[in-house]
Protein backbone atom coordinates (compact mmCIF):
# COMPACT_ATOMS: atom_id res chain seq x y z
CA MET A 1 -34.98 -12.50 46.24
CA ALA A 2 -31.16 -12.12 45.98
CA THR A 3 -30.71 -13.89 49.25
CA SER A 4 -33.06 -16.77 48.15
CA ALA A 5 -31.33 -17.21 44.82
CA PHE A 6 -27.94 -17.39 46.42
CA SER A 7 -28.88 -19.84 49.19
CA GLY A 8 -30.56 -22.05 46.54
CA SER A 9 -27.43 -22.41 44.53
CA THR A 10 -25.08 -25.34 44.81
CA LEU A 11 -21.25 -25.54 44.77
CA ALA A 12 -19.47 -28.17 42.82
CA ALA A 13 -16.82 -30.25 44.46
CA GLY A 14 -13.47 -28.39 44.95
CA GLU A 15 -15.08 -24.95 44.58
CA ALA A 16 -14.61 -22.39 47.30
CA GLY A 17 -17.77 -21.20 49.18
CA PRO A 18 -18.05 -17.89 50.99
CA SER A 19 -16.90 -19.31 54.23
CA ASP A 20 -13.78 -20.99 52.56
CA TRP A 21 -12.27 -17.59 51.99
CA GLN A 22 -11.89 -17.33 55.68
CA ASN A 23 -9.72 -20.49 55.74
CA PRO A 24 -6.15 -19.61 56.48
CA SER A 25 -4.82 -22.22 53.94
CA VAL A 26 -7.09 -20.73 51.16
CA ALA A 27 -5.96 -17.24 52.00
CA ALA A 28 -2.37 -18.24 51.97
CA MET A 29 -2.66 -19.89 48.60
CA MET A 30 -4.41 -16.68 47.18
CA HIS A 31 -1.60 -14.54 48.67
CA ARG A 32 1.05 -16.71 46.98
CA LEU A 33 -0.75 -16.58 43.62
CA GLU A 34 -0.92 -12.73 43.86
CA GLY A 35 2.74 -12.59 44.82
CA SER A 36 3.71 -14.98 41.93
CA SER A 37 1.74 -12.95 39.39
CA GLY A 38 3.46 -9.73 40.50
CA HIS A 39 6.84 -11.46 40.18
CA PHE A 40 5.97 -12.70 36.65
CA VAL A 41 5.02 -9.10 35.54
CA LEU A 42 8.26 -7.84 37.10
CA VAL A 43 10.31 -10.46 35.19
CA ILE A 44 8.70 -9.44 31.87
CA VAL A 45 9.36 -5.76 32.41
CA VAL A 46 13.04 -6.46 33.46
CA THR A 47 13.42 -8.73 30.42
CA LEU A 48 12.13 -6.17 28.05
CA LEU A 49 14.36 -3.36 29.56
CA LEU A 50 17.43 -5.64 29.21
CA ILE A 51 16.59 -6.52 25.62
CA SER A 52 15.97 -2.87 24.75
CA PHE A 53 19.19 -1.56 26.32
CA THR A 54 21.27 -4.39 24.94
CA THR A 55 19.79 -3.93 21.50
CA ARG A 56 20.41 -0.09 21.85
CA PHE A 57 24.09 -0.63 22.93
CA TYR A 58 24.73 -3.13 20.24
CA THR A 59 23.30 -1.17 17.36
CA SER A 60 25.06 2.10 18.76
CA THR A 61 28.43 0.29 18.10
CA TYR A 62 27.35 -0.77 14.65
CA PRO A 63 30.22 0.28 12.34
CA GLY A 64 29.61 3.12 10.01
CA VAL A 65 30.40 3.50 6.38
CA LYS A 66 33.65 1.52 5.93
CA THR A 67 35.36 -0.70 3.32
CA SER A 68 34.56 -4.31 3.81
CA GLY A 69 36.25 -6.64 1.29
CA SER A 70 38.79 -6.55 -1.37
CA ASP A 71 36.39 -5.08 -3.97
CA GLY A 72 36.06 -1.93 -1.98
CA ALA A 73 32.36 -2.44 -1.00
CA LYS A 74 31.22 -0.28 1.72
CA ARG A 75 28.91 -1.06 4.67
CA VAL A 76 26.14 1.48 5.20
CA LYS A 77 25.81 2.88 8.60
CA MET A 78 22.65 1.86 10.42
CA LEU A 79 21.05 4.12 12.96
CA PRO A 80 20.66 2.64 16.61
CA TYR A 81 17.35 1.31 17.68
CA TRP A 82 15.78 -0.10 20.88
CA PHE A 83 13.99 -3.23 19.97
CA PRO A 84 15.07 -6.06 17.71
CA ILE A 85 13.00 -6.79 14.57
CA ILE A 86 10.76 -3.79 15.23
CA GLY A 87 13.71 -1.47 14.54
CA HIS A 88 12.80 1.94 13.29
CA ILE A 89 9.05 1.18 12.54
CA PHE A 90 7.74 3.26 15.41
CA PRO A 91 9.48 6.49 14.58
CA LEU A 92 8.38 6.23 10.98
CA ALA A 93 4.80 5.47 12.15
CA PHE A 94 4.41 8.53 14.29
CA ASP A 95 5.76 11.30 11.91
CA PRO A 96 7.42 9.82 8.82
CA ASN A 97 8.13 13.29 7.01
CA LYS A 98 9.77 14.79 10.13
CA TYR A 99 11.75 11.53 10.76
CA MET A 100 13.06 11.40 7.24
CA LEU A 101 14.09 14.91 7.26
CA GLY A 102 15.93 14.32 10.52
CA LEU A 103 17.66 11.43 8.87
CA LYS A 104 18.83 13.54 6.03
CA GLU A 105 20.43 15.99 8.37
CA LYS A 106 22.12 13.19 10.38
CA SER A 107 23.50 11.51 7.25
CA SER A 108 26.81 13.07 6.40
CA GLU A 109 27.51 10.35 3.79
CA GLY A 110 24.25 10.83 1.97
CA ILE A 111 23.03 7.21 2.67
CA ILE A 112 21.84 5.66 5.86
CA ALA A 113 20.28 2.19 6.76
CA LEU A 114 17.03 1.37 8.69
CA ASN A 115 15.77 -1.80 10.14
CA LEU A 116 12.02 -2.26 9.31
CA GLY A 117 10.56 -5.53 10.54
CA GLY A 118 13.91 -7.31 10.52
CA THR A 119 14.91 -6.30 7.02
CA THR A 120 17.49 -3.64 6.09
CA HIS A 121 16.54 -0.74 4.00
CA ASN A 122 19.10 1.64 2.60
CA ILE A 123 17.74 5.10 2.27
CA VAL A 124 19.74 7.29 -0.29
CA PHE A 125 19.62 11.17 0.16
CA SER A 126 22.54 12.11 -2.10
CA PRO A 127 21.81 12.54 -5.89
CA SER A 128 25.33 11.57 -6.80
CA ILE A 129 24.89 8.23 -4.90
CA ALA A 130 21.59 7.63 -6.49
CA LYS A 131 23.02 8.29 -9.92
CA GLU A 132 26.01 6.06 -9.33
CA THR A 133 23.76 3.28 -7.96
CA PHE A 134 21.63 3.16 -11.10
CA GLN A 135 24.79 3.19 -13.31
CA GLN A 136 25.97 -0.11 -11.70
CA ARG A 137 26.12 -3.20 -13.79
CA SER A 138 23.39 -5.75 -13.33
CA SER A 139 25.73 -8.00 -11.59
CA HIS A 140 26.02 -5.44 -8.81
CA LEU A 141 22.35 -4.27 -8.74
CA ASN A 142 19.79 -6.96 -9.24
CA TYR A 143 16.72 -5.09 -10.66
CA SER A 144 14.70 -8.23 -10.84
CA THR A 145 14.78 -8.74 -7.03
CA ILE A 146 13.59 -5.17 -6.57
CA VAL A 147 10.71 -5.51 -9.18
CA TRP A 148 9.65 -8.83 -7.54
CA SER A 149 9.76 -7.28 -4.05
CA VAL A 150 7.51 -4.45 -5.13
CA LEU A 151 5.10 -6.78 -6.95
CA HIS A 152 4.79 -9.14 -4.01
CA ARG A 153 4.78 -6.70 -1.04
CA VAL A 154 2.99 -3.75 -2.51
CA PHE A 155 0.61 -5.19 -5.21
CA GLY A 156 0.16 -8.64 -3.63
CA ALA A 157 1.56 -11.02 -6.13
CA SER A 158 1.66 -14.60 -4.91
CA LEU A 159 5.04 -16.25 -3.89
CA LYS A 160 3.90 -19.56 -5.21
CA MET A 161 3.64 -18.15 -8.72
CA ARG A 162 6.95 -16.45 -8.84
CA HIS A 163 8.47 -18.89 -11.31
CA VAL A 164 5.71 -18.18 -13.83
CA TYR A 165 5.94 -14.45 -13.25
CA ASP A 166 9.71 -14.58 -13.77
CA LYS A 167 9.16 -16.40 -17.12
CA TRP A 168 6.65 -13.91 -18.52
CA LEU A 169 7.46 -10.49 -16.92
CA SER A 170 10.27 -9.57 -19.11
CA GLU A 171 8.35 -10.03 -22.26
CA MET A 172 5.40 -8.19 -20.78
CA ASN A 173 7.53 -5.23 -19.69
CA ARG A 174 9.25 -5.09 -23.04
CA LEU A 175 5.90 -5.03 -24.87
CA THR A 176 4.62 -2.35 -22.62
CA MET A 177 7.44 -0.02 -22.95
CA ASN A 178 7.77 -0.46 -26.68
CA THR A 179 4.01 0.18 -27.14
CA LEU A 180 3.88 3.24 -24.92
CA LEU A 181 6.99 4.88 -26.22
CA HIS A 182 7.03 3.94 -29.87
CA GLY A 183 4.88 3.08 -32.78
CA PRO A 184 1.33 4.03 -33.84
CA HIS A 185 -0.39 2.65 -30.73
CA PHE A 186 1.05 5.40 -28.76
CA ALA A 187 -0.28 8.14 -31.06
CA THR A 188 -3.78 6.46 -30.97
CA MET A 189 -3.69 6.48 -27.10
CA VAL A 190 -2.80 10.10 -27.10
CA GLU A 191 -5.72 10.85 -29.52
CA GLU A 192 -8.11 9.02 -27.29
CA THR A 193 -6.81 10.92 -24.19
CA MET A 194 -7.36 14.24 -25.88
CA ARG A 195 -10.94 13.19 -27.03
CA HIS A 196 -11.84 12.27 -23.43
CA MET A 197 -10.17 15.57 -22.19
CA ASN A 198 -12.44 17.63 -24.62
CA GLU A 199 -15.49 15.83 -23.25
CA ALA A 200 -14.53 16.29 -19.61
CA ILE A 201 -13.21 19.92 -19.51
CA PRO A 202 -16.66 21.54 -19.70
CA ASN A 203 -17.60 19.45 -16.58
CA LEU A 204 -14.43 20.32 -14.67
CA VAL A 205 -16.55 21.89 -11.98
CA SER A 206 -20.41 21.27 -12.05
CA PHE A 207 -21.29 23.49 -9.16
CA ASN A 208 -23.62 21.00 -7.76
CA HIS A 209 -24.34 20.43 -4.07
CA SER A 210 -25.09 16.72 -4.46
CA LEU A 211 -22.32 14.26 -4.77
CA ILE A 212 -24.44 12.23 -7.02
CA ASP A 213 -24.60 14.95 -9.55
CA GLN A 214 -20.94 15.72 -9.43
CA SER A 215 -18.19 14.17 -11.75
CA LEU A 216 -15.98 11.45 -10.28
CA TRP A 217 -13.05 13.93 -9.92
CA GLU A 218 -15.16 16.42 -8.08
CA ARG A 219 -16.24 14.12 -5.31
CA VAL A 220 -12.83 13.78 -3.83
CA SER A 221 -11.60 17.33 -4.33
CA HIS A 222 -13.69 18.90 -1.57
CA VAL A 223 -15.83 21.16 -3.62
CA ALA A 224 -17.57 23.80 -1.63
CA LEU A 225 -19.91 26.35 -3.17
CA VAL A 226 -19.27 29.90 -1.99
CA GLU A 227 -22.17 32.23 -1.44
CA THR A 228 -21.71 35.54 -3.15
CA ASP A 229 -23.47 38.99 -3.06
CA ASP A 230 -25.71 40.10 -5.97
CA GLU A 231 -22.86 41.83 -7.68
CA ASP A 232 -20.57 38.96 -7.67
CA SER A 233 -23.25 36.59 -8.58
CA GLN A 234 -23.58 38.09 -11.98
CA ASN A 235 -20.31 36.44 -12.91
CA GLY A 236 -21.70 33.00 -12.21
CA PRO A 237 -21.37 30.52 -9.24
CA VAL A 238 -18.16 30.32 -7.32
CA ALA A 239 -16.68 27.09 -5.77
CA GLU A 240 -13.60 26.40 -3.71
CA VAL A 241 -11.82 23.31 -4.47
CA ASN A 242 -8.54 21.32 -3.88
CA LEU A 243 -7.00 22.13 -7.16
CA PHE A 244 -4.28 19.59 -7.06
CA ILE A 245 -6.68 16.68 -6.37
CA LEU A 246 -9.17 18.00 -8.89
CA LEU A 247 -6.69 18.22 -11.74
CA ARG A 248 -4.89 14.97 -10.73
CA ASP A 249 -8.15 12.89 -10.89
CA LEU A 250 -9.42 14.69 -14.00
CA MET A 251 -6.24 13.67 -15.87
CA SER A 252 -6.49 10.06 -14.52
CA HIS A 253 -10.06 9.76 -15.63
CA VAL A 254 -9.36 10.85 -19.11
CA ALA A 255 -6.12 8.79 -19.36
CA ILE A 256 -7.39 5.46 -18.05
CA PRO A 257 -10.13 4.96 -20.64
CA ALA A 258 -7.67 5.43 -23.41
CA LEU A 259 -5.63 2.52 -21.96
CA MET A 260 -8.16 0.12 -20.49
CA GLY A 261 -11.47 1.14 -22.15
CA SER A 262 -14.25 3.24 -20.71
CA ALA A 263 -15.95 0.21 -19.01
CA PHE A 264 -13.41 -0.28 -16.34
CA LEU A 265 -14.05 2.91 -14.44
CA GLU A 266 -17.84 2.64 -15.14
CA VAL A 267 -17.85 -0.81 -13.42
CA PHE A 268 -15.33 0.23 -10.75
CA PRO A 269 -15.73 3.92 -10.19
CA THR A 270 -13.73 3.93 -6.87
CA ALA A 271 -10.63 2.08 -8.36
CA LEU A 272 -8.75 5.24 -8.77
CA GLN A 273 -9.26 6.23 -5.09
CA ASP A 274 -8.13 2.80 -4.05
CA MET A 275 -4.95 3.30 -6.10
CA TRP A 276 -4.26 6.59 -4.28
CA GLU A 277 -4.79 4.87 -0.90
CA LEU A 278 -2.35 2.15 -2.06
CA ASP A 279 0.10 4.82 -3.06
CA ASN A 280 -0.24 6.54 0.25
CA GLY A 281 0.73 3.35 2.02
CA PHE A 282 3.46 2.36 -0.42
CA ARG A 283 6.30 2.75 2.04
CA TRP A 284 4.50 0.66 4.64
CA LEU A 285 3.58 -2.06 2.12
CA SER A 286 7.06 -2.21 0.76
CA SER A 287 8.48 -2.90 4.22
CA GLY A 288 6.37 -6.07 4.38
CA LEU A 289 4.36 -4.95 7.41
CA PRO A 290 1.15 -7.03 8.10
CA LEU A 291 -2.36 -5.77 8.19
CA TRP A 292 -2.81 -6.04 11.98
CA LEU A 293 -0.37 -3.36 12.89
CA PRO A 294 -2.18 -0.20 14.17
CA ILE A 295 -0.94 2.06 11.42
CA PRO A 296 -3.86 3.69 9.63
CA PRO A 297 -2.20 4.30 6.18
CA LEU A 298 -1.02 0.59 6.23
CA THR A 299 -4.56 -0.61 7.07
CA ARG A 300 -6.24 1.46 4.36
CA ALA A 301 -3.53 0.51 1.69
CA HIS A 302 -4.13 -3.31 2.46
CA ILE A 303 -7.97 -2.90 2.08
CA ALA A 304 -7.35 -0.80 -1.08
CA ARG A 305 -5.16 -3.40 -2.57
CA SER A 306 -7.63 -6.20 -1.89
CA ARG A 307 -10.33 -4.21 -3.82
CA LEU A 308 -7.93 -3.38 -6.70
CA LYS A 309 -7.09 -7.14 -7.10
CA ARG A 310 -10.72 -8.03 -7.23
CA ALA A 311 -11.41 -5.29 -9.75
CA PHE A 312 -8.56 -6.30 -12.09
CA ALA A 313 -9.48 -9.96 -11.75
CA ALA A 314 -13.08 -9.13 -12.84
CA TYR A 315 -11.53 -7.13 -15.71
CA GLY A 316 -9.45 -9.97 -16.78
CA ARG A 317 -12.33 -12.52 -16.69
CA ALA A 318 -14.32 -10.05 -18.86
CA LEU A 319 -11.50 -9.88 -21.45
CA ASP A 320 -11.30 -13.64 -21.46
CA LYS A 321 -14.94 -13.89 -22.41
CA PHE A 322 -14.77 -10.98 -24.85
CA GLU A 323 -11.81 -12.39 -26.70
CA ALA A 324 -13.59 -15.86 -26.84
CA GLY A 325 -16.70 -14.33 -28.34
CA ILE A 326 -18.76 -14.77 -25.13
CA ASP A 327 -20.92 -12.10 -23.71
CA PRO A 328 -18.99 -10.81 -20.57
CA GLY A 329 -22.26 -9.50 -18.91
CA PRO A 330 -24.27 -6.38 -19.02
CA GLU A 331 -21.81 -4.33 -16.92
CA TRP A 332 -19.11 -4.93 -19.64
CA ARG A 333 -21.27 -4.00 -22.45
CA ASP A 334 -18.54 -2.05 -24.27
CA LEU A 335 -14.97 -3.49 -24.42
CA ASP A 336 -14.41 -2.47 -28.06
CA ASP A 337 -12.39 0.65 -26.98
CA VAL A 338 -9.86 -1.29 -25.03
CA SER A 339 -6.34 -0.31 -26.28
CA ALA A 340 -4.10 -2.43 -28.49
CA LEU A 341 -1.66 -2.64 -25.61
CA MET A 342 -4.10 -4.28 -23.20
CA LYS A 343 -5.34 -6.68 -25.93
CA ARG A 344 -1.60 -7.68 -26.62
CA ARG A 345 -0.89 -8.00 -22.91
CA HIS A 346 -4.03 -10.16 -22.50
CA SER A 347 -2.76 -12.46 -25.33
CA ILE A 348 0.48 -12.97 -23.48
CA TRP A 349 -1.40 -13.75 -20.22
CA LYS A 350 -3.49 -16.31 -21.92
CA GLU A 351 -0.30 -17.98 -23.25
CA SER A 352 1.17 -18.00 -19.71
CA GLY A 353 -1.81 -19.90 -18.37
CA LEU A 354 -2.15 -17.60 -15.27
CA SER A 355 -5.68 -17.05 -13.89
CA PRO A 356 -7.25 -13.71 -13.86
CA GLU A 357 -6.62 -13.51 -10.10
CA ALA A 358 -2.99 -14.17 -10.63
CA ARG A 359 -2.68 -11.52 -13.38
CA ALA A 360 -4.43 -8.83 -11.30
CA PRO A 361 -1.38 -7.65 -9.23
CA VAL A 362 0.72 -7.16 -12.35
CA ASP A 363 -2.06 -5.42 -14.33
CA SER A 364 -2.74 -3.08 -11.35
CA THR A 365 0.76 -1.70 -11.68
CA LEU A 366 -0.44 -0.03 -14.94
CA LEU A 367 -2.91 2.02 -13.01
CA TRP A 368 -0.34 2.95 -10.39
CA ALA A 369 2.23 3.99 -12.99
């Protein structure tokens, strides 16, 4: 059957049949192609080696901390690296904690510069330098640039809407800080937090095997019931948990309803875990690295950020309808307990004309903070 099928096939004009491979001219052509492909690979390898060694040599001669200019400004020493643009990304990707500890030991001046994706990041290890930096006048240290960089790279604010953000963010931040730190609204939020705490403490650990029957803060704290003998069982059930994660999520679940209302976590019960994923990938997102790089924390942070933006956009649309006297839907059945801060922020957002999707990155910073 195989022989019949082969003999019955036809060859288009210009295609090489089985006998053509024996033709000296065809064999010579194939040999030249193989040779040229081998030379091409060799050229690429040599080029990469030249680029890497040249980059390493150039960055090794980069001047250290020295005065540059009449105002006494100093240039921060940058560690040498092998490839342009990529810079120090790979060492950070493999073992960031070990790498940063090594940098601290190498930095005799208490500050060092890294190249991450073509951008320079100054890493400060010295408390005195950090204190001096934050005491600089606004003309020397542009906080708005830092805030916008975090909003755009970490929380996904759109570059096209920057002019609108710049117009309204200062008023929004002033309102938030004044409300959280002063006045009766802060006391009301504390009272609400304590009320939710009193309700949650009895269910700190439910001792249930099933995740469905556990509280939200239990599901991520690795609860494991421990079998005990008859004598120990008289004292009640025993469970092993990650205490830090358990208490961290418990406090978050009692504080968020006091700020955003109880409906938010009911509609989006995984929003808090998405925020932790974003926080774990904060350093990668702040470097402006794209999603396609094979760095697991970066990938998870990008995905979590997308889910958070969708959640806060839906929350904003629900508030729009609620404030307009329109039913926001059965899932948002109770928005009466939304804090005064969120209602006042919502009023400013409505005045700005930004859509719920555009507001979402800024509002998600409240959950992260």
